[in-house]
Amino acid sequence: MNCFDCLTSLQTESPASAVCSSCGAALCVVHALVGVPRQEVHSVGSPSATVLPGRRVWCSACAPSGAAPLAVRTRSHKVATA
């Protein structure tokens, strides 16, 4: 499966590593955005947002404000050698 954003905007093929949790588009590491889902709580005089457990991956069209690029948030993992 290839990244939808790479195919449509850059006309290149790159392997997808994630799927948007809202629309289902396949995304590469460059185009994937990661964030914590929030649920708005509407009450009279005191609107707030509750942070839901876990994390979500979104495409640029579906991402809420505050979602960070996946490429920035990943860590390089070193493999232990024996």
Protein backbone atom coordinates (compact mmCIF):
# COMPACT_ATOMS: atom_id res chain seq x y z
CA MET A 1 0.00 0.00 0.00
CA ASN A 2 1.33 3.46 -0.91
CA CYS A 3 0.90 6.88 0.71
CA PHE A 4 -2.16 8.69 -0.65
CA ASP A 5 -0.67 12.17 -0.16
CA CYS A 6 2.56 11.25 -1.99
CA LEU A 7 0.60 9.84 -4.93
CA THR A 8 -1.77 12.80 -5.26
CA SER A 9 0.47 15.77 -4.49
CA LEU A 10 3.98 14.62 -5.42
CA GLN A 11 3.17 11.93 -8.02
CA THR A 12 5.63 9.58 -6.32
CA GLU A 13 5.19 6.20 -4.71
CA SER A 14 6.27 5.71 -1.11
CA PRO A 15 5.23 2.87 1.20
CA ALA A 16 2.54 3.64 3.75
CA SER A 17 3.29 3.09 7.41
CA ALA A 18 0.00 4.32 8.93
CA VAL A 19 -3.69 4.80 8.20
CA CYS A 20 -5.69 7.94 9.04
CA SER A 21 -8.04 7.17 11.94
CA SER A 22 -10.73 9.44 10.45
CA CYS A 23 -10.84 8.87 6.69
CA GLY A 24 -8.75 5.70 6.26
CA ALA A 25 -6.17 7.15 3.86
CA ALA A 26 -2.80 5.35 3.78
CA LEU A 27 0.06 7.59 4.95
CA CYS A 28 3.85 7.52 4.90
CA VAL A 29 5.97 8.72 7.82
CA VAL A 30 6.32 12.20 6.28
CA HIS A 31 2.56 12.79 5.87
CA ALA A 32 1.27 11.12 9.07
CA LEU A 33 0.32 13.38 12.00
CA VAL A 34 0.08 12.02 15.55
CA GLY A 35 -1.90 13.43 18.43
CA VAL A 36 -4.03 12.72 21.46
CA PRO A 37 -7.77 12.60 20.81
CA ARG A 38 -9.95 15.02 22.73
CA GLN A 39 -13.69 15.03 23.32
CA GLU A 40 -15.40 18.37 23.81
CA VAL A 41 -17.66 18.57 26.86
CA HIS A 42 -20.38 21.17 26.48
CA SER A 43 -21.84 22.53 29.68
CA VAL A 44 -23.38 25.87 30.51
CA GLY A 45 -20.68 28.36 31.46
CA SER A 46 -17.84 25.86 31.53
CA PRO A 47 -16.95 24.30 28.17
CA SER A 48 -13.94 22.00 28.35
CA ALA A 49 -12.22 19.16 26.55
CA THR A 50 -11.51 15.71 27.94
CA VAL A 51 -8.37 13.91 26.79
CA LEU A 52 -9.19 10.38 25.64
CA PRO A 53 -6.77 7.49 26.21
CA GLY A 54 -4.29 6.47 23.52
CA ARG A 55 -2.99 8.29 20.50
CA ARG A 56 -4.32 8.69 16.97
CA VAL A 57 -2.81 9.09 13.52
CA TRP A 58 -4.40 11.52 11.06
CA CYS A 59 -3.80 12.85 7.55
CA SER A 60 -3.35 16.60 7.06
CA ALA A 61 -7.00 17.02 6.02
CA CYS A 62 -8.41 15.36 9.16
CA ALA A 63 -5.84 16.35 11.81
CA PRO A 64 -6.97 18.54 14.70
CA SER A 65 -4.84 21.47 15.82
CA GLY A 66 -1.98 20.26 17.97
CA ALA A 67 -1.23 17.09 16.00
CA ALA A 68 2.50 16.69 15.35
CA PRO A 69 4.26 15.15 12.33
CA LEU A 70 5.09 11.49 12.91
CA ALA A 71 8.64 11.91 11.59
CA VAL A 72 9.42 14.42 14.35
CA ARG A 73 7.96 12.30 17.16
CA THR A 74 9.66 8.98 16.37
CA ARG A 75 12.82 7.84 18.15
CA SER A 76 15.64 5.91 16.59
CA HIS A 77 15.82 2.50 18.24
CA LYS A 78 19.20 0.88 18.59
CA VAL A 79 19.37 -2.87 18.27
CA ALA A 80 21.46 -4.52 20.96
CA THR A 81 24.21 -6.74 19.59
CA ALA A 82 25.50 -9.78 21.44
